[in-house]
Amino acid sequence: GAAGGSDAEATAADWKKCDLIAKILASCPQQSLSPESYYKDICPQRVAMTTFITMSREHPELAPKYLLQPMLAPLHRCLTTIEIPENNMVPGTILVTEEELSRCVEDVFKVGNSSL
């Protein structure tokens, strides 16, 4: 029906926006040392954080479940260990790796700085 057509058109327009953004991000600026150094810097930061922030703004009702909870999962595991009785903890058990926790803190920092 007509509504289905408008949904399809809106979806196509959204994909065109995504394609345009991807082309812009894929264009290595002249001031970069090399395409490799540009991609190394831009990919983990701008693409992920811009997408994260845009999705949060577009669908704030979905952000907690699909964006915030997964990003904060390592920190949440650290906080919920308080609920585990000490006699149930096996010595040497690693609840969160240093890498996971560092990544979590870095991501929170990036989102906080990107959304200002």
PDB file of N, CA and C in Angstrom:
ATOM      1  N   GLY A   1       0.818  -1.187   0.000  1.00  0.00           N
ATOM      2  CA  GLY A   1       0.000   0.000   0.000  1.00  0.00           C
ATOM      3  C   GLY A   1       0.853   1.238   0.000  1.00  0.00           C
ATOM      4  N   ALA A   2       0.193   2.366   0.107  1.00  0.00           N
ATOM      5  CA  ALA A   2       0.883   3.654   0.066  1.00  0.00           C
ATOM      6  C   ALA A   2       1.824   3.815   1.251  1.00  0.00           C
ATOM      7  N   ALA A   3       1.357   3.365   2.415  1.00  0.00           N
ATOM      8  CA  ALA A   3       2.201   3.483   3.612  1.00  0.00           C
ATOM      9  C   ALA A   3       3.471   2.664   3.460  1.00  0.00           C
ATOM     10  N   GLY A   4       3.342   1.454   2.897  1.00  0.00           N
ATOM     11  CA  GLY A   4       4.511   0.608   2.677  1.00  0.00           C
ATOM     12  C   GLY A   4       5.493   1.260   1.741  1.00  0.00           C
ATOM     13  N   GLY A   5       4.961   1.962   0.724  1.00  0.00           N
ATOM     14  CA  GLY A   5       5.825   2.666  -0.217  1.00  0.00           C
ATOM     15  C   GLY A   5       6.590   3.778   0.452  1.00  0.00           C
ATOM     16  N   SER A   6       5.920   4.529   1.331  1.00  0.00           N
ATOM     17  CA  SER A   6       6.612   5.625   2.008  1.00  0.00           C
ATOM     18  C   SER A   6       7.658   5.097   2.983  1.00  0.00           C
ATOM     19  N   ASP A   7       7.377   3.960   3.618  1.00  0.00           N
ATOM     20  CA  ASP A   7       8.380   3.333   4.485  1.00  0.00           C
ATOM     21  C   ASP A   7       9.598   2.915   3.681  1.00  0.00           C
ATOM     22  N   ALA A   8       9.351   2.331   2.520  1.00  0.00           N
ATOM     23  CA  ALA A   8      10.456   1.891   1.657  1.00  0.00           C
ATOM     24  C   ALA A   8      11.270   3.091   1.188  1.00  0.00           C
ATOM     25  N   GLU A   9      10.583   4.185   0.867  1.00  0.00           N
ATOM     26  CA  GLU A   9      11.293   5.396   0.432  1.00  0.00           C
ATOM     27  C   GLU A   9      12.121   5.981   1.571  1.00  0.00           C
ATOM     28  N   ALA A  10      11.565   5.980   2.768  1.00  0.00           N
ATOM     29  CA  ALA A  10      12.297   6.492   3.930  1.00  0.00           C
ATOM     30  C   ALA A  10      13.520   5.633   4.208  1.00  0.00           C
ATOM     31  N   THR A  11      13.350   4.319   4.096  1.00  0.00           N
ATOM     32  CA  THR A  11      14.475   3.406   4.313  1.00  0.00           C
ATOM     33  C   THR A  11      15.561   3.639   3.267  1.00  0.00           C
ATOM     34  N   ALA A  12      15.140   3.805   2.014  1.00  0.00           N
ATOM     35  CA  ALA A  12      16.107   4.065   0.938  1.00  0.00           C
ATOM     36  C   ALA A  12      16.844   5.378   1.197  1.00  0.00           C
ATOM     37  N   ALA A  13      16.124   6.396   1.654  1.00  0.00           N
ATOM     38  CA  ALA A  13      16.752   7.686   1.954  1.00  0.00           C
ATOM     39  C   ALA A  13      17.755   7.545   3.104  1.00  0.00           C
ATOM     40  N   ASP A  14      17.404   6.742   4.119  1.00  0.00           N
ATOM     41  CA  ASP A  14      18.321   6.511   5.231  1.00  0.00           C
ATOM     42  C   ASP A  14      19.594   5.828   4.755  1.00  0.00           C
ATOM     43  N   TRP A  15      19.451   4.840   3.877  1.00  0.00           N
ATOM     44  CA  TRP A  15      20.621   4.146   3.351  1.00  0.00           C
ATOM     45  C   TRP A  15      21.480   5.077   2.513  1.00  0.00           C
ATOM     46  N   LYS A  16      20.855   5.992   1.768  1.00  0.00           N
ATOM     47  CA  LYS A  16      21.621   6.962   0.977  1.00  0.00           C
ATOM     48  C   LYS A  16      22.435   7.866   1.909  1.00  0.00           C
ATOM     49  N   LYS A  17      21.832   8.263   3.043  1.00  0.00           N
ATOM     50  CA  LYS A  17      22.562   9.062   4.033  1.00  0.00           C
ATOM     51  C   LYS A  17      23.750   8.286   4.580  1.00  0.00           C
ATOM     52  N   CYS A  18      23.524   7.021   4.890  1.00  0.00           N
ATOM     53  CA  CYS A  18      24.613   6.174   5.413  1.00  0.00           C
ATOM     54  C   CYS A  18      25.722   6.042   4.380  1.00  0.00           C
ATOM     55  N   ASP A  19      25.348   5.859   3.124  1.00  0.00           N
ATOM     56  CA  ASP A  19      26.347   5.751   2.056  1.00  0.00           C
ATOM     57  C   ASP A  19      27.150   7.036   1.928  1.00  0.00           C
ATOM     58  N   LEU A  20      26.464   8.174   2.019  1.00  0.00           N
ATOM     59  CA  LEU A  20      27.142   9.464   1.912  1.00  0.00           C
ATOM     60  C   LEU A  20      28.127   9.657   3.061  1.00  0.00           C
ATOM     61  N   ILE A  21      27.686   9.348   4.259  1.00  0.00           N
ATOM     62  CA  ILE A  21      28.561   9.465   5.428  1.00  0.00           C
ATOM     63  C   ILE A  21      29.766   8.534   5.291  1.00  0.00           C
ATOM     64  N   ALA A  22      29.508   7.321   4.837  1.00  0.00           N
ATOM     65  CA  ALA A  22      30.606   6.361   4.653  1.00  0.00           C
ATOM     66  C   ALA A  22      31.619   6.877   3.637  1.00  0.00           C
ATOM     67  N   LYS A  23      31.139   7.476   2.561  1.00  0.00           N
ATOM     68  CA  LYS A  23      32.050   8.013   1.536  1.00  0.00           C
ATOM     69  C   LYS A  23      32.880   9.165   2.092  1.00  0.00           C
ATOM     70  N   ILE A  24      32.244  10.005   2.885  1.00  0.00           N
ATOM     71  CA  ILE A  24      32.980  11.120   3.489  1.00  0.00           C
ATOM     72  C   ILE A  24      34.056  10.600   4.438  1.00  0.00           C
ATOM     73  N   LEU A  25      33.673   9.670   5.308  1.00  0.00           N
ATOM     74  CA  LEU A  25      34.644   9.115   6.253  1.00  0.00           C
ATOM     75  C   LEU A  25      35.745   8.319   5.554  1.00  0.00           C
ATOM     76  N   ALA A  26      35.417   7.710   4.427  1.00  0.00           N
ATOM     77  CA  ALA A  26      36.407   6.902   3.715  1.00  0.00           C
ATOM     78  C   ALA A  26      37.423   7.759   2.963  1.00  0.00           C
ATOM     79  N   SER A  27      37.123   9.038   2.757  1.00  0.00           N
ATOM     80  CA  SER A  27      38.033   9.937   2.047  1.00  0.00           C
ATOM     81  C   SER A  27      39.133  10.410   2.981  1.00  0.00           C
ATOM     82  N   CYS A  28      40.318   9.985   2.699  1.00  0.00           N
ATOM     83  CA  CYS A  28      41.465  10.342   3.528  1.00  0.00           C
ATOM     84  C   CYS A  28      41.817  11.810   3.292  1.00  0.00           C
ATOM     85  N   PRO A  29      41.802  12.644   4.346  1.00  0.00           N
ATOM     86  CA  PRO A  29      42.153  14.059   4.169  1.00  0.00           C
ATOM     87  C   PRO A  29      43.631  14.224   3.823  1.00  0.00           C
ATOM     88  N   GLN A  30      43.938  15.308   3.128  1.00  0.00           N
ATOM     89  CA  GLN A  30      45.312  15.556   2.681  1.00  0.00           C
ATOM     90  C   GLN A  30      46.296  15.694   3.834  1.00  0.00           C
ATOM     91  N   GLN A  31      45.840  16.196   4.972  1.00  0.00           N
ATOM     92  CA  GLN A  31      46.762  16.398   6.089  1.00  0.00           C
ATOM     93  C   GLN A  31      47.152  15.111   6.802  1.00  0.00           C
ATOM     94  N   SER A  32      46.515  13.989   6.474  1.00  0.00           N
ATOM     95  CA  SER A  32      46.879  12.709   7.090  1.00  0.00           C
ATOM     96  C   SER A  32      48.206  12.223   6.539  1.00  0.00           C
ATOM     97  N   LEU A  33      48.946  11.527   7.394  1.00  0.00           N
ATOM     98  CA  LEU A  33      50.239  10.999   6.973  1.00  0.00           C
ATOM     99  C   LEU A  33      50.088   9.962   5.875  1.00  0.00           C
ATOM    100  N   SER A  34      49.079   9.108   6.024  1.00  0.00           N
ATOM    101  CA  SER A  34      48.815   8.061   5.039  1.00  0.00           C
ATOM    102  C   SER A  34      47.382   7.577   5.230  1.00  0.00           C
ATOM    103  N   PRO A  35      46.833   6.929   4.203  1.00  0.00           N
ATOM    104  CA  PRO A  35      45.490   6.359   4.388  1.00  0.00           C
ATOM    105  C   PRO A  35      45.447   5.377   5.560  1.00  0.00           C
ATOM    106  N   GLU A  36      46.505   4.610   5.751  1.00  0.00           N
ATOM    107  CA  GLU A  36      46.532   3.633   6.834  1.00  0.00           C
ATOM    108  C   GLU A  36      46.449   4.309   8.198  1.00  0.00           C
ATOM    109  N   SER A  37      47.226   5.364   8.394  1.00  0.00           N
ATOM    110  CA  SER A  37      47.190   6.049   9.691  1.00  0.00           C
ATOM    111  C   SER A  37      45.833   6.722   9.906  1.00  0.00           C
ATOM    112  N   TYR A  38      45.237   7.245   8.835  1.00  0.00           N
ATOM    113  CA  TYR A  38      43.909   7.861   8.934  1.00  0.00           C
ATOM    114  C   TYR A  38      42.874   6.832   9.365  1.00  0.00           C
ATOM    115  N   TYR A  39      42.843   5.707   8.681  1.00  0.00           N
ATOM    116  CA  TYR A  39      41.859   4.673   9.014  1.00  0.00           C
ATOM    117  C   TYR A  39      42.093   4.113  10.415  1.00  0.00           C
ATOM    118  N   LYS A  40      43.352   3.988  10.778  1.00  0.00           N
ATOM    119  CA  LYS A  40      43.675   3.481  12.120  1.00  0.00           C
ATOM    120  C   LYS A  40      43.098   4.403  13.191  1.00  0.00           C
ATOM    121  N   ASP A  41      43.171   5.706  12.946  1.00  0.00           N
ATOM    122  CA  ASP A  41      42.668   6.679  13.912  1.00  0.00           C
ATOM    123  C   ASP A  41      41.156   6.856  13.841  1.00  0.00           C
ATOM    124  N   ILE A  42      40.617   6.945  12.651  1.00  0.00           N
ATOM    125  CA  ILE A  42      39.214   7.321  12.498  1.00  0.00           C
ATOM    126  C   ILE A  42      38.247   6.167  12.756  1.00  0.00           C
ATOM    127  N   CYS A  43      38.581   4.991  12.360  1.00  0.00           N
ATOM    128  CA  CYS A  43      37.619   3.885  12.434  1.00  0.00           C
ATOM    129  C   CYS A  43      37.136   3.576  13.844  1.00  0.00           C
ATOM    130  N   PRO A  44      38.006   3.320  14.777  1.00  0.00           N
ATOM    131  CA  PRO A  44      37.481   2.962  16.099  1.00  0.00           C
ATOM    132  C   PRO A  44      36.822   4.126  16.824  1.00  0.00           C
ATOM    133  N   GLN A  45      37.144   5.344  16.438  1.00  0.00           N
ATOM    134  CA  GLN A  45      36.646   6.480  17.199  1.00  0.00           C
ATOM    135  C   GLN A  45      35.430   7.113  16.552  1.00  0.00           C
ATOM    136  N   ARG A  46      35.628   7.790  15.462  1.00  0.00           N
ATOM    137  CA  ARG A  46      34.565   8.577  14.848  1.00  0.00           C
ATOM    138  C   ARG A  46      33.391   7.738  14.379  1.00  0.00           C
ATOM    139  N   VAL A  47      33.680   6.682  13.660  1.00  0.00           N
ATOM    140  CA  VAL A  47      32.589   5.881  13.114  1.00  0.00           C
ATOM    141  C   VAL A  47      31.738   5.302  14.231  1.00  0.00           C
ATOM    142  N   ALA A  48      32.374   4.682  15.184  1.00  0.00           N
ATOM    143  CA  ALA A  48      31.632   4.045  16.265  1.00  0.00           C
ATOM    144  C   ALA A  48      30.921   5.073  17.142  1.00  0.00           C
ATOM    145  N   MET A  49      31.605   6.117  17.526  1.00  0.00           N
ATOM    146  CA  MET A  49      31.007   7.086  18.429  1.00  0.00           C
ATOM    147  C   MET A  49      29.916   7.895  17.741  1.00  0.00           C
ATOM    148  N   THR A  50      30.137   8.289  16.494  1.00  0.00           N
ATOM    149  CA  THR A  50      29.112   9.031  15.769  1.00  0.00           C
ATOM    150  C   THR A  50      27.869   8.177  15.591  1.00  0.00           C
ATOM    151  N   THR A  51      28.066   6.929  15.263  1.00  0.00           N
ATOM    152  CA  THR A  51      26.938   6.019  15.111  1.00  0.00           C
ATOM    153  C   THR A  51      26.220   5.849  16.435  1.00  0.00           C
ATOM    154  N   PHE A  52      26.961   5.650  17.484  1.00  0.00           N
ATOM    155  CA  PHE A  52      26.394   5.482  18.823  1.00  0.00           C
ATOM    156  C   PHE A  52      25.534   6.685  19.204  1.00  0.00           C
ATOM    157  N   ILE A  53      26.075   7.871  19.032  1.00  0.00           N
ATOM    158  CA  ILE A  53      25.369   9.088  19.422  1.00  0.00           C
ATOM    159  C   ILE A  53      24.149   9.315  18.543  1.00  0.00           C
ATOM    160  N   THR A  54      24.291   9.111  17.239  1.00  0.00           N
ATOM    161  CA  THR A  54      23.170   9.299  16.323  1.00  0.00           C
ATOM    162  C   THR A  54      22.042   8.325  16.640  1.00  0.00           C
ATOM    163  N   MET A  55      22.390   7.074  16.868  1.00  0.00           N
ATOM    164  CA  MET A  55      21.366   6.080  17.200  1.00  0.00           C
ATOM    165  C   MET A  55      20.683   6.441  18.519  1.00  0.00           C
ATOM    166  N   SER A  56      21.435   6.925  19.477  1.00  0.00           N
ATOM    167  CA  SER A  56      20.861   7.316  20.771  1.00  0.00           C
ATOM    168  C   SER A  56      19.877   8.467  20.620  1.00  0.00           C
ATOM    169  N   ARG A  57      20.209   9.384  19.752  1.00  0.00           N
ATOM    170  CA  ARG A  57      19.323  10.541  19.542  1.00  0.00           C
ATOM    171  C   ARG A  57      18.090  10.163  18.715  1.00  0.00           C
ATOM    172  N   GLU A  58      18.298   9.297  17.733  1.00  0.00           N
ATOM    173  CA  GLU A  58      17.193   8.907  16.855  1.00  0.00           C
ATOM    174  C   GLU A  58      16.175   8.024  17.569  1.00  0.00           C
ATOM    175  N   HIS A  59      16.657   7.118  18.403  1.00  0.00           N
ATOM    176  CA  HIS A  59      15.780   6.171  19.096  1.00  0.00           C
ATOM    177  C   HIS A  59      16.188   6.056  20.561  1.00  0.00           C
ATOM    178  N   PRO A  60      15.934   7.114  21.339  1.00  0.00           N
ATOM    179  CA  PRO A  60      16.372   7.091  22.743  1.00  0.00           C
ATOM    180  C   PRO A  60      15.752   5.961  23.556  1.00  0.00           C
ATOM    181  N   GLU A  61      14.611   5.462  23.146  1.00  0.00           N
ATOM    182  CA  GLU A  61      13.973   4.372  23.885  1.00  0.00           C
ATOM    183  C   GLU A  61      14.732   3.054  23.721  1.00  0.00           C
ATOM    184  N   LEU A  62      15.495   2.912  22.644  1.00  0.00           N
ATOM    185  CA  LEU A  62      16.251   1.682  22.399  1.00  0.00           C
ATOM    186  C   LEU A  62      17.697   1.763  22.899  1.00  0.00           C
ATOM    187  N   ALA A  63      18.163   2.970  23.131  1.00  0.00           N
ATOM    188  CA  ALA A  63      19.564   3.173  23.509  1.00  0.00           C
ATOM    189  C   ALA A  63      19.984   2.424  24.767  1.00  0.00           C
ATOM    190  N   PRO A  64      19.189   2.447  25.836  1.00  0.00           N
ATOM    191  CA  PRO A  64      19.652   1.733  27.035  1.00  0.00           C
ATOM    192  C   PRO A  64      19.891   0.250  26.790  1.00  0.00           C
ATOM    193  N   LYS A  65      18.973  -0.411  26.135  1.00  0.00           N
ATOM    194  CA  LYS A  65      19.071  -1.866  25.954  1.00  0.00           C
ATOM    195  C   LYS A  65      20.152  -2.267  24.946  1.00  0.00           C
ATOM    196  N   TYR A  66      20.230  -1.558  23.838  1.00  0.00           N
ATOM    197  CA  TYR A  66      21.106  -2.001  22.760  1.00  0.00           C
ATOM    198  C   TYR A  66      22.427  -1.256  22.660  1.00  0.00           C
ATOM    199  N   LEU A  67      22.552  -0.120  23.327  1.00  0.00           N
ATOM    200  CA  LEU A  67      23.798   0.636  23.260  1.00  0.00           C
ATOM    201  C   LEU A  67      24.479   0.756  24.622  1.00  0.00           C
ATOM    202  N   LEU A  68      23.746   1.284  25.600  1.00  0.00           N
ATOM    203  CA  LEU A  68      24.368   1.540  26.900  1.00  0.00           C
ATOM    204  C   LEU A  68      24.667   0.278  27.686  1.00  0.00           C
ATOM    205  N   GLN A  69      23.710  -0.626  27.785  1.00  0.00           N
ATOM    206  CA  GLN A  69      23.952  -1.850  28.565  1.00  0.00           C
ATOM    207  C   GLN A  69      25.127  -2.662  28.024  1.00  0.00           C
ATOM    208  N   PRO A  70      25.197  -2.892  26.705  1.00  0.00           N
ATOM    209  CA  PRO A  70      26.374  -3.638  26.215  1.00  0.00           C
ATOM    210  C   PRO A  70      27.694  -2.897  26.456  1.00  0.00           C
ATOM    211  N   MET A  71      27.679  -1.572  26.283  1.00  0.00           N
ATOM    212  CA  MET A  71      28.908  -0.808  26.479  1.00  0.00           C
ATOM    213  C   MET A  71      29.341  -0.837  27.950  1.00  0.00           C
ATOM    214  N   LEU A  72      28.369  -0.785  28.856  1.00  0.00           N
ATOM    215  CA  LEU A  72      28.682  -0.723  30.289  1.00  0.00           C
ATOM    216  C   LEU A  72      28.741  -2.091  30.964  1.00  0.00           C
ATOM    217  N   ALA A  73      28.565  -3.166  30.216  1.00  0.00           N
ATOM    218  CA  ALA A  73      28.520  -4.516  30.793  1.00  0.00           C
ATOM    219  C   ALA A  73      29.735  -4.847  31.674  1.00  0.00           C
ATOM    220  N   PRO A  74      30.964  -4.554  31.260  1.00  0.00           N
ATOM    221  CA  PRO A  74      32.102  -4.876  32.140  1.00  0.00           C
ATOM    222  C   PRO A  74      32.040  -4.143  33.479  1.00  0.00           C
ATOM    223  N   LEU A  75      31.664  -2.888  33.449  1.00  0.00           N
ATOM    224  CA  LEU A  75      31.543  -2.117  34.678  1.00  0.00           C
ATOM    225  C   LEU A  75      30.415  -2.669  35.540  1.00  0.00           C
ATOM    226  N   HIS A  76      29.330  -3.031  34.922  1.00  0.00           N
ATOM    227  CA  HIS A  76      28.189  -3.602  35.649  1.00  0.00           C
ATOM    228  C   HIS A  76      28.577  -4.909  36.340  1.00  0.00           C
ATOM    229  N   ARG A  77      29.369  -5.752  35.653  1.00  0.00           N
ATOM    230  CA  ARG A  77      29.817  -7.015  36.270  1.00  0.00           C
ATOM    231  C   ARG A  77      30.653  -6.737  37.508  1.00  0.00           C
ATOM    232  N   CYS A  78      31.470  -5.692  37.454  1.00  0.00           N
ATOM    233  CA  CYS A  78      32.274  -5.345  38.634  1.00  0.00           C
ATOM    234  C   CYS A  78      31.378  -4.925  39.789  1.00  0.00           C
ATOM    235  N   LEU A  79      30.356  -4.184  39.502  1.00  0.00           N
ATOM    236  CA  LEU A  79      29.466  -3.682  40.548  1.00  0.00           C
ATOM    237  C   LEU A  79      28.582  -4.775  41.129  1.00  0.00           C
ATOM    238  N   THR A  80      28.211  -5.766  40.321  1.00  0.00           N
ATOM    239  CA  THR A  80      27.304  -6.803  40.814  1.00  0.00           C
ATOM    240  C   THR A  80      28.030  -7.889  41.595  1.00  0.00           C
ATOM    241  N   THR A  81      29.350  -7.851  41.653  1.00  0.00           N
ATOM    242  CA  THR A  81      30.076  -8.856  42.440  1.00  0.00           C
ATOM    243  C   THR A  81      29.815  -8.676  43.920  1.00  0.00           C
ATOM    244  N   ILE A  82      29.355  -7.511  44.303  1.00  0.00           N
ATOM    245  CA  ILE A  82      29.019  -7.258  45.708  1.00  0.00           C
ATOM    246  C   ILE A  82      27.920  -8.220  46.156  1.00  0.00           C
ATOM    247  N   GLU A  83      27.060  -8.608  45.216  1.00  0.00           N
ATOM    248  CA  GLU A  83      25.934  -9.481  45.527  1.00  0.00           C
ATOM    249  C   GLU A  83      26.339 -10.956  45.658  1.00  0.00           C
ATOM    250  N   ILE A  84      27.538 -11.302  45.217  1.00  0.00           N
ATOM    251  CA  ILE A  84      28.004 -12.688  45.279  1.00  0.00           C
ATOM    252  C   ILE A  84      28.622 -12.934  46.651  1.00  0.00           C
ATOM    253  N   PRO A  85      28.117 -13.912  47.386  1.00  0.00           N
ATOM    254  CA  PRO A  85      28.701 -14.205  48.700  1.00  0.00           C
ATOM    255  C   PRO A  85      30.184 -14.569  48.558  1.00  0.00           C
ATOM    256  N   GLU A  86      30.977 -14.092  49.487  1.00  0.00           N
ATOM    257  CA  GLU A  86      32.418 -14.295  49.422  1.00  0.00           C
ATOM    258  C   GLU A  86      32.786 -15.775  49.393  1.00  0.00           C
ATOM    259  N   ASN A  87      32.023 -16.618  50.106  1.00  0.00           N
ATOM    260  CA  ASN A  87      32.364 -18.047  50.126  1.00  0.00           C
ATOM    261  C   ASN A  87      32.038 -18.732  48.790  1.00  0.00           C
ATOM    262  N   ASN A  88      31.301 -18.064  47.886  1.00  0.00           N
ATOM    263  CA  ASN A  88      31.037 -18.620  46.554  1.00  0.00           C
ATOM    264  C   ASN A  88      32.082 -18.192  45.529  1.00  0.00           C
ATOM    265  N   MET A  89      32.958 -17.281  45.917  1.00  0.00           N
ATOM    266  CA  MET A  89      33.987 -16.796  44.999  1.00  0.00           C
ATOM    267  C   MET A  89      35.196 -17.718  45.053  1.00  0.00           C
ATOM    268  N   VAL A  90      35.610 -18.167  43.893  1.00  0.00           N
ATOM    269  CA  VAL A  90      36.799 -19.004  43.792  1.00  0.00           C
ATOM    270  C   VAL A  90      37.999 -18.077  43.645  1.00  0.00           C
ATOM    271  N   PRO A  91      39.034 -18.277  44.465  1.00  0.00           N
ATOM    272  CA  PRO A  91      40.220 -17.416  44.344  1.00  0.00           C
ATOM    273  C   PRO A  91      40.770 -17.458  42.920  1.00  0.00           C
ATOM    274  N   GLY A  92      41.121 -16.289  42.415  1.00  0.00           N
ATOM    275  CA  GLY A  92      41.678 -16.196  41.068  1.00  0.00           C
ATOM    276  C   GLY A  92      40.636 -16.022  39.978  1.00  0.00           C
ATOM    277  N   THR A  93      39.359 -16.009  40.349  1.00  0.00           N
ATOM    278  CA  THR A  93      38.304 -15.820  39.357  1.00  0.00           C
ATOM    279  C   THR A  93      38.401 -14.414  38.772  1.00  0.00           C
ATOM    280  N   ILE A  94      38.417 -14.345  37.459  1.00  0.00           N
ATOM    281  CA  ILE A  94      38.467 -13.051  36.776  1.00  0.00           C
ATOM    282  C   ILE A  94      37.064 -12.739  36.269  1.00  0.00           C
ATOM    283  N   LEU A  95      36.475 -11.725  36.840  1.00  0.00           N
ATOM    284  CA  LEU A  95      35.126 -11.326  36.444  1.00  0.00           C
ATOM    285  C   LEU A  95      35.145 -10.441  35.208  1.00  0.00           C
ATOM    286  N   VAL A  96      36.152  -9.589  35.128  1.00  0.00           N
ATOM    287  CA  VAL A  96      36.313  -8.677  34.000  1.00  0.00           C
ATOM    288  C   VAL A  96      37.807  -8.544  33.752  1.00  0.00           C
ATOM    289  N   THR A  97      38.213  -8.708  32.504  1.00  0.00           N
ATOM    290  CA  THR A  97      39.633  -8.543  32.207  1.00  0.00           C
ATOM    291  C   THR A  97      39.993  -7.063  32.228  1.00  0.00           C
ATOM    292  N   GLU A  98      41.241  -6.807  32.427  1.00  0.00           N
ATOM    293  CA  GLU A  98      41.718  -5.419  32.419  1.00  0.00           C
ATOM    294  C   GLU A  98      41.409  -4.767  31.078  1.00  0.00           C
ATOM    295  N   GLU A  99      41.568  -5.527  30.007  1.00  0.00           N
ATOM    296  CA  GLU A  99      41.293  -5.014  28.660  1.00  0.00           C
ATOM    297  C   GLU A  99      39.816  -4.623  28.506  1.00  0.00           C
ATOM    298  N   GLU A 100      38.908  -5.491  28.988  1.00  0.00           N
ATOM    299  CA  GLU A 100      37.473  -5.191  28.906  1.00  0.00           C
ATOM    300  C   GLU A 100      37.118  -3.934  29.687  1.00  0.00           C
ATOM    301  N   LEU A 101      37.644  -3.824  30.887  1.00  0.00           N
ATOM    302  CA  LEU A 101      37.335  -2.678  31.730  1.00  0.00           C
ATOM    303  C   LEU A 101      37.934  -1.398  31.150  1.00  0.00           C
ATOM    304  N   SER A 102      39.150  -1.479  30.645  1.00  0.00           N
ATOM    305  CA  SER A 102      39.783  -0.310  30.020  1.00  0.00           C
ATOM    306  C   SER A 102      38.984   0.153  28.811  1.00  0.00           C
ATOM    307  N   ARG A 103      38.570  -0.788  27.989  1.00  0.00           N
ATOM    308  CA  ARG A 103      37.776  -0.465  26.798  1.00  0.00           C
ATOM    309  C   ARG A 103      36.456   0.197  27.202  1.00  0.00           C
ATOM    310  N   CYS A 104      35.830  -0.319  28.221  1.00  0.00           N
ATOM    311  CA  CYS A 104      34.570   0.238  28.723  1.00  0.00           C
ATOM    312  C   CYS A 104      34.769   1.692  29.153  1.00  0.00           C
ATOM    313  N   VAL A 105      35.790   1.948  29.944  1.00  0.00           N
ATOM    314  CA  VAL A 105      36.052   3.299  30.435  1.00  0.00           C
ATOM    315  C   VAL A 105      36.393   4.228  29.266  1.00  0.00           C
ATOM    316  N   GLU A 106      37.202   3.752  28.332  1.00  0.00           N
ATOM    317  CA  GLU A 106      37.555   4.562  27.158  1.00  0.00           C
ATOM    318  C   GLU A 106      36.313   4.895  26.328  1.00  0.00           C
ATOM    319  N   ASP A 107      35.437   3.920  26.134  1.00  0.00           N
ATOM    320  CA  ASP A 107      34.225   4.150  25.356  1.00  0.00           C
ATOM    321  C   ASP A 107      33.311   5.162  26.028  1.00  0.00           C
ATOM    322  N   VAL A 108      33.160   5.052  27.347  1.00  0.00           N
ATOM    323  CA  VAL A 108      32.340   6.018  28.083  1.00  0.00           C
ATOM    324  C   VAL A 108      32.939   7.418  27.934  1.00  0.00           C
ATOM    325  N   PHE A 109      34.257   7.516  28.039  1.00  0.00           N
ATOM    326  CA  PHE A 109      34.934   8.793  27.875  1.00  0.00           C
ATOM    327  C   PHE A 109      34.704   9.368  26.476  1.00  0.00           C
ATOM    328  N   LYS A 110      34.832   8.527  25.453  1.00  0.00           N
ATOM    329  CA  LYS A 110      34.637   8.981  24.068  1.00  0.00           C
ATOM    330  C   LYS A 110      33.211   9.448  23.827  1.00  0.00           C
ATOM    331  N   VAL A 111      32.235   8.689  24.316  1.00  0.00           N
ATOM    332  CA  VAL A 111      30.837   9.076  24.137  1.00  0.00           C
ATOM    333  C   VAL A 111      30.570  10.394  24.851  1.00  0.00           C
ATOM    334  N   GLY A 112      31.074  10.515  26.068  1.00  0.00           N
ATOM    335  CA  GLY A 112      30.880  11.747  26.820  1.00  0.00           C
ATOM    336  C   GLY A 112      31.482  12.954  26.133  1.00  0.00           C
ATOM    337  N   ASN A 113      32.671  12.800  25.587  1.00  0.00           N
ATOM    338  CA  ASN A 113      33.336  13.912  24.898  1.00  0.00           C
ATOM    339  C   ASN A 113      32.733  14.195  23.532  1.00  0.00           C
ATOM    340  N   SER A 114      32.253  13.160  22.851  1.00  0.00           N
ATOM    341  CA  SER A 114      31.683  13.334  21.517  1.00  0.00           C
ATOM    342  C   SER A 114      30.316  13.982  21.565  1.00  0.00           C
ATOM    343  N   SER A 115      29.602  13.800  22.642  1.00  0.00           N
ATOM    344  CA  SER A 115      28.224  14.310  22.699  1.00  0.00           C
ATOM    345  C   SER A 115      28.150  15.732  23.220  1.00  0.00           C
ATOM    346  N   LEU A 116      29.283  16.308  23.578  1.00  0.00           N
ATOM    347  CA  LEU A 116      29.282  17.698  24.080  1.00  0.00           C
ATOM    348  C   LEU A 116      29.115  18.688  22.960  1.00  0.00           C
TER     349      LEU A 116
END
